Amino acid sequence: MSDDDHTWLRVGCRLEMEFAVSSPMVLVLRPRSGLRQWVAREQYSIYPPTAVTEYTDLYGNLCQRLLAAPGPLQVDVRTEVRVPARAGKAPGAPFVPVDQLPEEVLVYLAPSRYCESDRLGADAA
């Protein structure tokens, strides 16, 4: 669904885990509203009910911290987000070789649990 220069995205996930012992966790599953997106609707549930505290990390991500009890744990997240219809791009922005990038952006090039760098490395090369 879209309107004018924006598009609505429906995103979500369900995680089902089984723990043999109590296990501390930090989840990063909640998008946040900002300049480029608006979170219009959100559903976040954990079963069995578990105490969760939330904090914002140094990158502005909403993080959920919990101690999963032994046994099954299910986390379900559903979100509707309004985003620009096209990705923003600076007109005429020059290409900058990696060795010339400013140090403050290098953190964004590090391997991430969101990108399977061990599987994508060959394609990137």
PDB file of N, CA and C in Angstrom:
ATOM      1  N   MET A   1       0.839  -1.182   0.000  1.00  0.00           N
ATOM      2  CA  MET A   1       0.000   0.000   0.000  1.00  0.00           C
ATOM      3  C   MET A   1       0.876   1.234   0.000  1.00  0.00           C
ATOM      4  N   SER A   2       0.530   2.231  -0.801  1.00  0.00           N
ATOM      5  CA  SER A   2       1.361   3.430  -0.847  1.00  0.00           C
ATOM      6  C   SER A   2       0.474   4.657  -1.026  1.00  0.00           C
ATOM      7  N   ASP A   3       1.031   5.805  -0.684  1.00  0.00           N
ATOM      8  CA  ASP A   3       0.348   7.076  -0.878  1.00  0.00           C
ATOM      9  C   ASP A   3       1.395   8.135  -1.182  1.00  0.00           C
ATOM     10  N   ASP A   4       1.211   8.831  -2.284  1.00  0.00           N
ATOM     11  CA  ASP A   4       2.127   9.893  -2.701  1.00  0.00           C
ATOM     12  C   ASP A   4       3.573   9.422  -2.728  1.00  0.00           C
ATOM     13  N   ASP A   5       4.411  10.041  -1.902  1.00  0.00           N
ATOM     14  CA  ASP A   5       5.841   9.744  -1.889  1.00  0.00           C
ATOM     15  C   ASP A   5       6.230   8.758  -0.799  1.00  0.00           C
ATOM     16  N   HIS A   6       5.248   8.094  -0.193  1.00  0.00           N
ATOM     17  CA  HIS A   6       5.543   7.173   0.907  1.00  0.00           C
ATOM     18  C   HIS A   6       4.923   5.796   0.663  1.00  0.00           C
ATOM     19  N   THR A   7       5.480   4.812   1.333  1.00  0.00           N
ATOM     20  CA  THR A   7       5.016   3.437   1.238  1.00  0.00           C
ATOM     21  C   THR A   7       4.852   2.881   2.647  1.00  0.00           C
ATOM     22  N   TRP A   8       3.858   2.035   2.802  1.00  0.00           N
ATOM     23  CA  TRP A   8       3.670   1.354   4.091  1.00  0.00           C
ATOM     24  C   TRP A   8       4.308  -0.023   4.011  1.00  0.00           C
ATOM     25  N   LEU A   9       5.109  -0.352   5.012  1.00  0.00           N
ATOM     26  CA  LEU A   9       5.724  -1.670   5.121  1.00  0.00           C
ATOM     27  C   LEU A   9       5.143  -2.393   6.323  1.00  0.00           C
ATOM     28  N   ARG A  10       4.839  -3.653   6.130  1.00  0.00           N
ATOM     29  CA  ARG A  10       4.448  -4.509   7.254  1.00  0.00           C
ATOM     30  C   ARG A  10       5.625  -5.452   7.485  1.00  0.00           C
ATOM     31  N   VAL A  11       6.178  -5.380   8.670  1.00  0.00           N
ATOM     32  CA  VAL A  11       7.337  -6.214   8.996  1.00  0.00           C
ATOM     33  C   VAL A  11       7.053  -6.990  10.272  1.00  0.00           C
ATOM     34  N   GLY A  12       7.723  -8.112  10.424  1.00  0.00           N
ATOM     35  CA  GLY A  12       7.535  -8.880  11.646  1.00  0.00           C
ATOM     36  C   GLY A  12       8.383 -10.125  11.672  1.00  0.00           C
ATOM     37  N   CYS A  13       8.382 -10.751  12.832  1.00  0.00           N
ATOM     38  CA  CYS A  13       9.096 -12.009  12.988  1.00  0.00           C
ATOM     39  C   CYS A  13       8.530 -12.750  14.188  1.00  0.00           C
ATOM     40  N   ARG A  14       8.753 -14.049  14.184  1.00  0.00           N
ATOM     41  CA  ARG A  14       8.416 -14.892  15.336  1.00  0.00           C
ATOM     42  C   ARG A  14       9.651 -15.736  15.630  1.00  0.00           C
ATOM     43  N   LEU A  15      10.125 -15.646  16.856  1.00  0.00           N
ATOM     44  CA  LEU A  15      11.270 -16.437  17.299  1.00  0.00           C
ATOM     45  C   LEU A  15      10.776 -17.463  18.305  1.00  0.00           C
ATOM     46  N   GLU A  16      11.143 -18.713  18.096  1.00  0.00           N
ATOM     47  CA  GLU A  16      10.791 -19.779  19.025  1.00  0.00           C
ATOM     48  C   GLU A  16      12.086 -20.447  19.453  1.00  0.00           C
ATOM     49  N   MET A  17      12.325 -20.446  20.760  1.00  0.00           N
ATOM     50  CA  MET A  17      13.573 -20.977  21.310  1.00  0.00           C
ATOM     51  C   MET A  17      13.278 -21.903  22.476  1.00  0.00           C
ATOM     52  N   GLU A  18      14.244 -22.743  22.782  1.00  0.00           N
ATOM     53  CA  GLU A  18      14.142 -23.641  23.931  1.00  0.00           C
ATOM     54  C   GLU A  18      15.443 -23.517  24.714  1.00  0.00           C
ATOM     55  N   PHE A  19      15.344 -23.270  26.023  1.00  0.00           N
ATOM     56  CA  PHE A  19      16.527 -23.073  26.859  1.00  0.00           C
ATOM     57  C   PHE A  19      16.635 -24.167  27.912  1.00  0.00           C
ATOM     58  N   ALA A  20      17.849 -24.682  28.093  1.00  0.00           N
ATOM     59  CA  ALA A  20      18.103 -25.689  29.125  1.00  0.00           C
ATOM     60  C   ALA A  20      18.335 -25.020  30.480  1.00  0.00           C
ATOM     61  N   VAL A  21      18.869 -23.793  30.463  1.00  0.00           N
ATOM     62  CA  VAL A  21      19.156 -23.042  31.689  1.00  0.00           C
ATOM     63  C   VAL A  21      18.694 -21.603  31.498  1.00  0.00           C
ATOM     64  N   SER A  22      18.564 -20.863  32.584  1.00  0.00           N
ATOM     65  CA  SER A  22      18.232 -19.439  32.487  1.00  0.00           C
ATOM     66  C   SER A  22      19.272 -18.748  31.604  1.00  0.00           C
ATOM     67  N   SER A  23      18.806 -17.924  30.663  1.00  0.00           N
ATOM     68  CA  SER A  23      19.712 -17.318  29.672  1.00  0.00           C
ATOM     69  C   SER A  23      19.418 -15.834  29.503  1.00  0.00           C
ATOM     70  N   PRO A  24      20.409 -14.983  29.796  1.00  0.00           N
ATOM     71  CA  PRO A  24      20.215 -13.551  29.566  1.00  0.00           C
ATOM     72  C   PRO A  24      20.210 -13.265  28.067  1.00  0.00           C
ATOM     73  N   MET A  25      19.372 -12.325  27.661  1.00  0.00           N
ATOM     74  CA  MET A  25      19.249 -11.984  26.242  1.00  0.00           C
ATOM     75  C   MET A  25      19.129 -10.482  26.065  1.00  0.00           C
ATOM     76  N   VAL A  26      19.625  -9.997  24.943  1.00  0.00           N
ATOM     77  CA  VAL A  26      19.364  -8.634  24.489  1.00  0.00           C
ATOM     78  C   VAL A  26      18.809  -8.765  23.082  1.00  0.00           C
ATOM     79  N   LEU A  27      17.587  -8.310  22.885  1.00  0.00           N
ATOM     80  CA  LEU A  27      16.931  -8.373  21.582  1.00  0.00           C
ATOM     81  C   LEU A  27      16.897  -6.965  20.980  1.00  0.00           C
ATOM     82  N   VAL A  28      17.056  -6.889  19.677  1.00  0.00           N
ATOM     83  CA  VAL A  28      16.947  -5.607  18.967  1.00  0.00           C
ATOM     84  C   VAL A  28      15.930  -5.849  17.850  1.00  0.00           C
ATOM     85  N   LEU A  29      14.648  -5.777  18.212  1.00  0.00           N
ATOM     86  CA  LEU A  29      13.578  -6.156  17.292  1.00  0.00           C
ATOM     87  C   LEU A  29      12.557  -5.050  17.046  1.00  0.00           C
ATOM     88  N   ARG A  30      12.690  -3.926  17.720  1.00  0.00           N
ATOM     89  CA  ARG A  30      11.697  -2.856  17.582  1.00  0.00           C
ATOM     90  C   ARG A  30      12.262  -1.699  16.765  1.00  0.00           C
ATOM     91  N   PRO A  31      11.701  -1.441  15.582  1.00  0.00           N
ATOM     92  CA  PRO A  31      12.136  -0.252  14.846  1.00  0.00           C
ATOM     93  C   PRO A  31      11.660   0.990  15.589  1.00  0.00           C
ATOM     94  N   ARG A  32      12.291   2.102  15.331  1.00  0.00           N
ATOM     95  CA  ARG A  32      11.879   3.339  16.000  1.00  0.00           C
ATOM     96  C   ARG A  32      11.511   4.383  14.955  1.00  0.00           C
ATOM     97  N   SER A  33      10.639   5.282  15.339  1.00  0.00           N
ATOM     98  CA  SER A  33      10.277   6.392  14.468  1.00  0.00           C
ATOM     99  C   SER A  33      11.439   7.368  14.409  1.00  0.00           C
ATOM    100  N   GLY A  34      11.597   8.008  13.268  1.00  0.00           N
ATOM    101  CA  GLY A  34      12.667   8.983  13.099  1.00  0.00           C
ATOM    102  C   GLY A  34      12.399   9.835  11.878  1.00  0.00           C
ATOM    103  N   LEU A  35      13.426  10.483  11.385  1.00  0.00           N
ATOM    104  CA  LEU A  35      13.282  11.373  10.241  1.00  0.00           C
ATOM    105  C   LEU A  35      12.803  10.663   8.988  1.00  0.00           C
ATOM    106  N   ARG A  36      13.220   9.425   8.770  1.00  0.00           N
ATOM    107  CA  ARG A  36      12.927   8.718   7.525  1.00  0.00           C
ATOM    108  C   ARG A  36      11.840   7.656   7.651  1.00  0.00           C
ATOM    109  N   GLN A  37      11.343   7.411   8.863  1.00  0.00           N
ATOM    110  CA  GLN A  37      10.280   6.415   9.002  1.00  0.00           C
ATOM    111  C   GLN A  37       9.413   6.733  10.201  1.00  0.00           C
ATOM    112  N   TRP A  38       8.155   6.305  10.105  1.00  0.00           N
ATOM    113  CA  TRP A  38       7.209   6.494  11.196  1.00  0.00           C
ATOM    114  C   TRP A  38       6.587   5.149  11.528  1.00  0.00           C
ATOM    115  N   VAL A  39       6.764   4.722  12.777  1.00  0.00           N
ATOM    116  CA  VAL A  39       6.171   3.470  13.241  1.00  0.00           C
ATOM    117  C   VAL A  39       4.734   3.786  13.654  1.00  0.00           C
ATOM    118  N   ALA A  40       3.788   3.299  12.861  1.00  0.00           N
ATOM    119  CA  ALA A  40       2.382   3.625  13.090  1.00  0.00           C
ATOM    120  C   ALA A  40       1.689   2.641  14.022  1.00  0.00           C
ATOM    121  N   ARG A  41       2.085   1.379  13.933  1.00  0.00           N
ATOM    122  CA  ARG A  41       1.438   0.346  14.746  1.00  0.00           C
ATOM    123  C   ARG A  41       2.483  -0.701  15.089  1.00  0.00           C
ATOM    124  N   GLU A  42       2.384  -1.215  16.318  1.00  0.00           N
ATOM    125  CA  GLU A  42       3.364  -2.204  16.752  1.00  0.00           C
ATOM    126  C   GLU A  42       2.728  -3.178  17.738  1.00  0.00           C
ATOM    127  N   GLN A  43       3.069  -4.449  17.575  1.00  0.00           N
ATOM    128  CA  GLN A  43       2.642  -5.491  18.509  1.00  0.00           C
ATOM    129  C   GLN A  43       3.883  -6.271  18.891  1.00  0.00           C
ATOM    130  N   TYR A  44       4.140  -6.398  20.178  1.00  0.00           N
ATOM    131  CA  TYR A  44       5.335  -7.089  20.674  1.00  0.00           C
ATOM    132  C   TYR A  44       4.878  -7.968  21.818  1.00  0.00           C
ATOM    133  N   SER A  45       5.050  -9.282  21.671  1.00  0.00           N
ATOM    134  CA  SER A  45       4.621 -10.165  22.750  1.00  0.00           C
ATOM    135  C   SER A  45       5.677 -11.225  23.020  1.00  0.00           C
ATOM    136  N   ILE A  46       5.736 -11.637  24.290  1.00  0.00           N
ATOM    137  CA  ILE A  46       6.648 -12.681  24.730  1.00  0.00           C
ATOM    138  C   ILE A  46       5.844 -13.695  25.538  1.00  0.00           C
ATOM    139  N   TYR A  47       6.035 -14.984  25.211  1.00  0.00           N
ATOM    140  CA  TYR A  47       5.355 -16.042  25.941  1.00  0.00           C
ATOM    141  C   TYR A  47       6.367 -17.127  26.291  1.00  0.00           C
ATOM    142  N   PRO A  48       6.372 -17.594  27.522  1.00  0.00           N
ATOM    143  CA  PRO A  48       5.550 -17.147  28.645  1.00  0.00           C
ATOM    144  C   PRO A  48       5.919 -15.719  29.046  1.00  0.00           C
ATOM    145  N   PRO A  49       4.981 -15.026  29.710  1.00  0.00           N
ATOM    146  CA  PRO A  49       5.268 -13.650  30.134  1.00  0.00           C
ATOM    147  C   PRO A  49       6.599 -13.576  30.884  1.00  0.00           C
ATOM    148  N   THR A  50       7.417 -12.630  30.489  1.00  0.00           N
ATOM    149  CA  THR A  50       8.771 -12.483  31.025  1.00  0.00           C
ATOM    150  C   THR A  50       9.032 -11.007  31.276  1.00  0.00           C
ATOM    151  N   ALA A  51       9.697 -10.678  32.371  1.00  0.00           N
ATOM    152  CA  ALA A  51      10.049  -9.287  32.651  1.00  0.00           C
ATOM    153  C   ALA A  51      11.056  -8.801  31.605  1.00  0.00           C
ATOM    154  N   VAL A  52      10.762  -7.653  31.004  1.00  0.00           N
ATOM    155  CA  VAL A  52      11.622  -7.073  29.977  1.00  0.00           C
ATOM    156  C   VAL A  52      11.881  -5.621  30.338  1.00  0.00           C
ATOM    157  N   THR A  53      13.135  -5.206  30.239  1.00  0.00           N
ATOM    158  CA  THR A  53      13.454  -3.784  30.368  1.00  0.00           C
ATOM    159  C   THR A  53      13.976  -3.330  29.011  1.00  0.00           C
ATOM    160  N   GLU A  54      13.752  -2.061  28.715  1.00  0.00           N
ATOM    161  CA  GLU A  54      14.174  -1.538  27.421  1.00  0.00           C
ATOM    162  C   GLU A  54      15.133  -0.380  27.621  1.00  0.00           C
ATOM    163  N   TYR A  55      16.115  -0.306  26.744  1.00  0.00           N
ATOM    164  CA  TYR A  55      17.064   0.804  26.772  1.00  0.00           C
ATOM    165  C   TYR A  55      17.427   1.153  25.338  1.00  0.00           C
ATOM    166  N   THR A  56      18.048   2.284  25.149  1.00  0.00           N
ATOM    167  CA  THR A  56      18.506   2.723  23.837  1.00  0.00           C
ATOM    168  C   THR A  56      20.028   2.625  23.809  1.00  0.00           C
ATOM    169  N   ASP A  57      20.573   1.916  22.805  1.00  0.00           N
ATOM    170  CA  ASP A  57      22.026   1.770  22.728  1.00  0.00           C
ATOM    171  C   ASP A  57      22.655   3.026  22.119  1.00  0.00           C
ATOM    172  N   LEU A  58      23.972   3.030  21.989  1.00  0.00           N
ATOM    173  CA  LEU A  58      24.648   4.238  21.520  1.00  0.00           C
ATOM    174  C   LEU A  58      24.357   4.560  20.062  1.00  0.00           C
ATOM    175  N   TYR A  59      23.738   3.639  19.306  1.00  0.00           N
ATOM    176  CA  TYR A  59      23.349   3.906  17.920  1.00  0.00           C
ATOM    177  C   TYR A  59      21.888   4.328  17.802  1.00  0.00           C
ATOM    178  N   GLY A  60      21.192   4.402  18.940  1.00  0.00           N
ATOM    179  CA  GLY A  60      19.789   4.793  18.929  1.00  0.00           C
ATOM    180  C   GLY A  60      18.820   3.639  18.760  1.00  0.00           C
ATOM    181  N   ASN A  61      19.316   2.394  18.768  1.00  0.00           N
ATOM    182  CA  ASN A  61      18.446   1.227  18.645  1.00  0.00           C
ATOM    183  C   ASN A  61      17.701   0.967  19.947  1.00  0.00           C
ATOM    184  N   LEU A  62      16.443   0.550  19.840  1.00  0.00           N
ATOM    185  CA  LEU A  62      15.677   0.152  21.010  1.00  0.00           C
ATOM    186  C   LEU A  62      16.020  -1.303  21.312  1.00  0.00           C
ATOM    187  N   CYS A  63      16.561  -1.559  22.491  1.00  0.00           N
ATOM    188  CA  CYS A  63      17.008  -2.900  22.883  1.00  0.00           C
ATOM    189  C   CYS A  63      16.154  -3.407  24.041  1.00  0.00           C
ATOM    190  N   GLN A  64      15.775  -4.685  23.974  1.00  0.00           N
ATOM    191  CA  GLN A  64      14.994  -5.302  25.028  1.00  0.00           C
ATOM    192  C   GLN A  64      15.876  -6.317  25.752  1.00  0.00           C
ATOM    193  N   ARG A  65      15.962  -6.161  27.051  1.00  0.00           N
ATOM    194  CA  ARG A  65      16.818  -7.023  27.873  1.00  0.00           C
ATOM    195  C   ARG A  65      15.928  -7.899  28.748  1.00  0.00           C
ATOM    196  N   LEU A  66      16.251  -9.208  28.788  1.00  0.00           N
ATOM    197  CA  LEU A  66      15.442 -10.123  29.583  1.00  0.00           C
ATOM    198  C   LEU A  66      16.273 -11.320  30.018  1.00  0.00           C
ATOM    199  N   LEU A  67      15.736 -12.060  30.966  1.00  0.00           N
ATOM    200  CA  LEU A  67      16.332 -13.310  31.415  1.00  0.00           C
ATOM    201  C   LEU A  67      15.323 -14.406  31.084  1.00  0.00           C
ATOM    202  N   ALA A  68      15.640 -15.200  30.051  1.00  0.00           N
ATOM    203  CA  ALA A  68      14.746 -16.281  29.635  1.00  0.00           C
ATOM    204  C   ALA A  68      14.867 -17.429  30.631  1.00  0.00           C
ATOM    205  N   ALA A  69      13.732 -17.916  31.096  1.00  0.00           N
ATOM    206  CA  ALA A  69      13.702 -19.049  32.026  1.00  0.00           C
ATOM    207  C   ALA A  69      13.948 -20.340  31.253  1.00  0.00           C
ATOM    208  N   PRO A  70      14.391 -21.404  31.931  1.00  0.00           N
ATOM    209  CA  PRO A  70      14.522 -22.692  31.248  1.00  0.00           C
ATOM    210  C   PRO A  70      13.175 -23.084  30.628  1.00  0.00           C
ATOM    211  N   GLY A  71      13.230 -23.673  29.452  1.00  0.00           N
ATOM    212  CA  GLY A  71      12.013 -24.084  28.758  1.00  0.00           C
ATOM    213  C   GLY A  71      11.812 -23.278  27.487  1.00  0.00           C
ATOM    214  N   PRO A  72      10.592 -23.345  26.930  1.00  0.00           N
ATOM    215  CA  PRO A  72      10.325 -22.657  25.661  1.00  0.00           C
ATOM    216  C   PRO A  72      10.152 -21.149  25.861  1.00  0.00           C
ATOM    217  N   LEU A  73      10.493 -20.400  24.822  1.00  0.00           N
ATOM    218  CA  LEU A  73      10.279 -18.951  24.800  1.00  0.00           C
ATOM    219  C   LEU A  73       9.867 -18.579  23.385  1.00  0.00           C
ATOM    220  N   GLN A  74       8.817 -17.784  23.280  1.00  0.00           N
ATOM    221  CA  GLN A  74       8.358 -17.315  21.974  1.00  0.00           C
ATOM    222  C   GLN A  74       8.282 -15.805  21.996  1.00  0.00           C
ATOM    223  N   VAL A  75       8.878 -15.159  20.998  1.00  0.00           N
ATOM    224  CA  VAL A  75       8.837 -13.704  20.847  1.00  0.00           C
ATOM    225  C   VAL A  75       8.171 -13.422  19.506  1.00  0.00           C
ATOM    226  N   ASP A  76       7.146 -12.581  19.516  1.00  0.00           N
ATOM    227  CA  ASP A  76       6.412 -12.255  18.293  1.00  0.00           C
ATOM    228  C   ASP A  76       6.366 -10.739  18.136  1.00  0.00           C
ATOM    229  N   VAL A  77       6.798 -10.239  16.976  1.00  0.00           N
ATOM    230  CA  VAL A  77       6.829  -8.795  16.716  1.00  0.00           C
ATOM    231  C   VAL A  77       6.151  -8.533  15.378  1.00  0.00           C
ATOM    232  N   ARG A  78       5.222  -7.593  15.343  1.00  0.00           N
ATOM    233  CA  ARG A  78       4.542  -7.160  14.117  1.00  0.00           C
ATOM    234  C   ARG A  78       4.501  -5.637  14.129  1.00  0.00           C
ATOM    235  N   THR A  79       4.908  -5.019  13.008  1.00  0.00           N
ATOM    236  CA  THR A  79       5.008  -3.567  12.950  1.00  0.00           C
ATOM    237  C   THR A  79       4.564  -3.055  11.590  1.00  0.00           C
ATOM    238  N   GLU A  80       3.909  -1.895  11.560  1.00  0.00           N
ATOM    239  CA  GLU A  80       3.599  -1.190  10.315  1.00  0.00           C
ATOM    240  C   GLU A  80       4.368   0.122  10.340  1.00  0.00           C
ATOM    241  N   VAL A  81       5.146   0.351   9.282  1.00  0.00           N
ATOM    242  CA  VAL A  81       6.041   1.504   9.219  1.00  0.00           C
ATOM    243  C   VAL A  81       5.820   2.251   7.913  1.00  0.00           C
ATOM    244  N   ARG A  82       5.748   3.575   7.986  1.00  0.00           N
ATOM    245  CA  ARG A  82       5.625   4.428   6.801  1.00  0.00           C
ATOM    246  C   ARG A  82       7.012   4.959   6.457  1.00  0.00           C
ATOM    247  N   VAL A  83       7.456   4.686   5.220  1.00  0.00           N
ATOM    248  CA  VAL A  83       8.793   5.076   4.774  1.00  0.00           C
ATOM    249  C   VAL A  83       8.689   5.787   3.426  1.00  0.00           C
ATOM    250  N   PRO A  84       9.728   6.537   3.048  1.00  0.00           N
ATOM    251  CA  PRO A  84       9.725   7.147   1.712  1.00  0.00           C
ATOM    252  C   PRO A  84       9.646   6.062   0.636  1.00  0.00           C
ATOM    253  N   ALA A  85       8.963   6.374  -0.465  1.00  0.00           N
ATOM    254  CA  ALA A  85       8.792   5.402  -1.545  1.00  0.00           C
ATOM    255  C   ALA A  85      10.115   5.084  -2.230  1.00  0.00           C
ATOM    256  N   ARG A  86      11.026   6.029  -2.237  1.00  0.00           N
ATOM    257  CA  ARG A  86      12.335   5.809  -2.862  1.00  0.00           C
ATOM    258  C   ARG A  86      13.430   6.065  -1.843  1.00  0.00           C
ATOM    259  N   ALA A  87      14.489   5.307  -1.963  1.00  0.00           N
ATOM    260  CA  ALA A  87      15.636   5.513  -1.072  1.00  0.00           C
ATOM    261  C   ALA A  87      16.271   6.859  -1.369  1.00  0.00           C
ATOM    262  N   GLY A  88      16.627   7.567  -0.315  1.00  0.00           N
ATOM    263  CA  GLY A  88      17.275   8.858  -0.489  1.00  0.00           C
ATOM    264  C   GLY A  88      18.677   8.708  -1.044  1.00  0.00           C
ATOM    265  N   LYS A  89      19.048   9.606  -1.924  1.00  0.00           N
ATOM    266  CA  LYS A  89      20.372   9.572  -2.521  1.00  0.00           C
ATOM    267  C   LYS A  89      20.799  11.004  -2.778  1.00  0.00           C
ATOM    268  N   ALA A  90      21.978  11.338  -2.338  1.00  0.00           N
ATOM    269  CA  ALA A  90      22.473  12.696  -2.566  1.00  0.00           C
ATOM    270  C   ALA A  90      22.822  12.842  -4.042  1.00  0.00           C
ATOM    271  N   PRO A  91      22.147  13.742  -4.776  1.00  0.00           N
ATOM    272  CA  PRO A  91      22.434  13.915  -6.203  1.00  0.00           C
ATOM    273  C   PRO A  91      23.893  14.311  -6.412  1.00  0.00           C
ATOM    274  N   GLY A  92      24.573  13.572  -7.279  1.00  0.00           N
ATOM    275  CA  GLY A  92      25.956  13.895  -7.596  1.00  0.00           C
ATOM    276  C   GLY A  92      26.958  13.542  -6.517  1.00  0.00           C
ATOM    277  N   ALA A  93      26.528  12.779  -5.496  1.00  0.00           N
ATOM    278  CA  ALA A  93      27.465  12.412  -4.424  1.00  0.00           C
ATOM    279  C   ALA A  93      28.606  11.601  -5.022  1.00  0.00           C
ATOM    280  N   PRO A  94      29.837  11.944  -4.683  1.00  0.00           N
ATOM    281  CA  PRO A  94      30.974  11.226  -5.257  1.00  0.00           C
ATOM    282  C   PRO A  94      31.190   9.863  -4.592  1.00  0.00           C
ATOM    283  N   PHE A  95      31.793   8.955  -5.336  1.00  0.00           N
ATOM    284  CA  PHE A  95      32.199   7.673  -4.786  1.00  0.00           C
ATOM    285  C   PHE A  95      33.433   7.918  -3.927  1.00  0.00           C
ATOM    286  N   VAL A  96      33.462   7.323  -2.725  1.00  0.00           N
ATOM    287  CA  VAL A  96      34.618   7.475  -1.839  1.00  0.00           C
ATOM    288  C   VAL A  96      35.220   6.095  -1.621  1.00  0.00           C
ATOM    289  N   PRO A  97      36.476   5.883  -2.023  1.00  0.00           N
ATOM    290  CA  PRO A  97      37.120   4.589  -1.780  1.00  0.00           C
ATOM    291  C   PRO A  97      37.187   4.299  -0.277  1.00  0.00           C
ATOM    292  N   VAL A  98      37.097   3.024   0.075  1.00  0.00           N
ATOM    293  CA  VAL A  98      37.065   2.616   1.476  1.00  0.00           C
ATOM    294  C   VAL A  98      38.246   3.180   2.257  1.00  0.00           C
ATOM    295  N   ASP A  99      39.433   3.183   1.672  1.00  0.00           N
ATOM    296  CA  ASP A  99      40.608   3.656   2.408  1.00  0.00           C
ATOM    297  C   ASP A  99      40.592   5.159   2.662  1.00  0.00           C
ATOM    298  N   GLN A 100      39.624   5.870   2.071  1.00  0.00           N
ATOM    299  CA  GLN A 100      39.529   7.317   2.270  1.00  0.00           C
ATOM    300  C   GLN A 100      38.297   7.720   3.098  1.00  0.00           C
ATOM    301  N   LEU A 101      37.543   6.743   3.572  1.00  0.00           N
ATOM    302  CA  LEU A 101      36.360   7.045   4.380  1.00  0.00           C
ATOM    303  C   LEU A 101      36.778   7.622   5.730  1.00  0.00           C
ATOM    304  N   PRO A 102      35.962   8.535   6.282  1.00  0.00           N
ATOM    305  CA  PRO A 102      36.265   9.050   7.627  1.00  0.00           C
ATOM    306  C   PRO A 102      36.149   7.932   8.665  1.00  0.00           C
ATOM    307  N   GLU A 103      36.957   8.007   9.714  1.00  0.00           N
ATOM    308  CA  GLU A 103      36.967   6.964  10.747  1.00  0.00           C
ATOM    309  C   GLU A 103      35.608   6.742  11.385  1.00  0.00           C
ATOM    310  N   GLU A 104      34.815   7.805  11.549  1.00  0.00           N
ATOM    311  CA  GLU A 104      33.536   7.665  12.246  1.00  0.00           C
ATOM    312  C   GLU A 104      32.517   6.814  11.482  1.00  0.00           C
ATOM    313  N   VAL A 105      32.740   6.536  10.202  1.00  0.00           N
ATOM    314  CA  VAL A 105      31.804   5.682   9.467  1.00  0.00           C
ATOM    315  C   VAL A 105      32.277   4.239   9.351  1.00  0.00           C
ATOM    316  N   LEU A 106      33.507   3.959   9.749  1.00  0.00           N
ATOM    317  CA  LEU A 106      34.047   2.604   9.616  1.00  0.00           C
ATOM    318  C   LEU A 106      33.286   1.580  10.451  1.00  0.00           C
ATOM    319  N   VAL A 107      32.691   1.997  11.551  1.00  0.00           N
ATOM    320  CA  VAL A 107      31.920   1.074  12.394  1.00  0.00           C
ATOM    321  C   VAL A 107      30.787   0.428  11.595  1.00  0.00           C
ATOM    322  N   TYR A 108      30.286   1.131  10.575  1.00  0.00           N
ATOM    323  CA  TYR A 108      29.188   0.593   9.766  1.00  0.00           C
ATOM    324  C   TYR A 108      29.660  -0.446   8.748  1.00  0.00           C
ATOM    325  N   LEU A 109      30.957  -0.625   8.612  1.00  0.00           N
ATOM    326  CA  LEU A 109      31.504  -1.619   7.697  1.00  0.00           C
ATOM    327  C   LEU A 109      31.882  -2.913   8.408  1.00  0.00           C
ATOM    328  N   ALA A 110      31.816  -2.921   9.729  1.00  0.00           N
ATOM    329  CA  ALA A 110      32.177  -4.108  10.506  1.00  0.00           C
ATOM    330  C   ALA A 110      31.137  -5.211  10.294  1.00  0.00           C
ATOM    331  N   PRO A 111      31.543  -6.475  10.428  1.00  0.00           N
ATOM    332  CA  PRO A 111      30.573  -7.572  10.309  1.00  0.00           C
ATOM    333  C   PRO A 111      29.430  -7.379  11.311  1.00  0.00           C
ATOM    334  N   SER A 112      28.265  -7.835  10.936  1.00  0.00           N
ATOM    335  CA  SER A 112      27.076  -7.659  11.755  1.00  0.00           C
ATOM    336  C   SER A 112      26.298  -8.958  11.803  1.00  0.00           C
ATOM    337  N   ARG A 113      25.595  -9.167  12.896  1.00  0.00           N
ATOM    338  CA  ARG A 113      24.744 -10.353  12.977  1.00  0.00           C
ATOM    339  C   ARG A 113      23.558 -10.231  12.018  1.00  0.00           C
ATOM    340  N   TYR A 114      23.321  -9.036  11.459  1.00  0.00           N
ATOM    341  CA  TYR A 114      22.225  -8.835  10.515  1.00  0.00           C
ATOM    342  C   TYR A 114      22.645  -9.176   9.088  1.00  0.00           C
ATOM    343  N   CYS A 115      23.934  -9.366   8.857  1.00  0.00           N
ATOM    344  CA  CYS A 115      24.455  -9.676   7.531  1.00  0.00           C
ATOM    345  C   CYS A 115      25.421 -10.835   7.673  1.00  0.00           C
ATOM    346  N   GLU A 116      25.137 -11.925   7.019  1.00  0.00           N
ATOM    347  CA  GLU A 116      25.984 -13.110   7.132  1.00  0.00           C
ATOM    348  C   GLU A 116      27.238 -12.903   6.293  1.00  0.00           C
ATOM    349  N   SER A 117      28.195 -12.158   6.862  1.00  0.00           N
ATOM    350  CA  SER A 117      29.393 -11.788   6.116  1.00  0.00           C
ATOM    351  C   SER A 117      30.197 -13.013   5.679  1.00  0.00           C
ATOM    352  N   ASP A 118      30.142 -14.098   6.446  1.00  0.00           N
ATOM    353  CA  ASP A 118      30.872 -15.296   6.037  1.00  0.00           C
ATOM    354  C   ASP A 118      30.287 -15.894   4.757  1.00  0.00           C
ATOM    355  N   ARG A 119      29.011 -15.652   4.506  1.00  0.00           N
ATOM    356  CA  ARG A 119      28.372 -16.174   3.294  1.00  0.00           C
ATOM    357  C   ARG A 119      28.396 -15.178   2.142  1.00  0.00           C
ATOM    358  N   LEU A 120      28.443 -13.886   2.439  1.00  0.00           N
ATOM    359  CA  LEU A 120      28.353 -12.861   1.410  1.00  0.00           C
ATOM    360  C   LEU A 120      29.700 -12.274   1.016  1.00  0.00           C
ATOM    361  N   GLY A 121      30.761 -12.623   1.745  1.00  0.00           N
ATOM    362  CA  GLY A 121      32.092 -12.052   1.493  1.00  0.00           C
ATOM    363  C   GLY A 121      32.562 -12.257   0.072  1.00  0.00           C
ATOM    364  N   ALA A 122      32.381 -13.459  -0.465  1.00  0.00           N
ATOM    365  CA  ALA A 122      32.836 -13.738  -1.828  1.00  0.00           C
ATOM    366  C   ALA A 122      32.086 -12.882  -2.841  1.00  0.00           C
ATOM    367  N   ASP A 123      30.775 -12.713  -2.633  1.00  0.00           N
ATOM    368  CA  ASP A 123      29.989 -11.871  -3.545  1.00  0.00           C
ATOM    369  C   ASP A 123      30.422 -10.423  -3.477  1.00  0.00           C
ATOM    370  N   ALA A 124      30.734  -9.936  -2.281  1.00  0.00           N
ATOM    371  CA  ALA A 124      31.148  -8.551  -2.117  1.00  0.00           C
ATOM    372  C   ALA A 124      32.497  -8.296  -2.780  1.00  0.00           C
ATOM    373  N   ALA A 125      33.384  -9.300  -2.732  1.00  0.00           N
ATOM    374  CA  ALA A 125      34.707  -9.136  -3.340  1.00  0.00           C
ATOM    375  C   ALA A 125      34.576  -9.042  -4.851  1.00  0.00           C
TER     376      ALA A 125
END
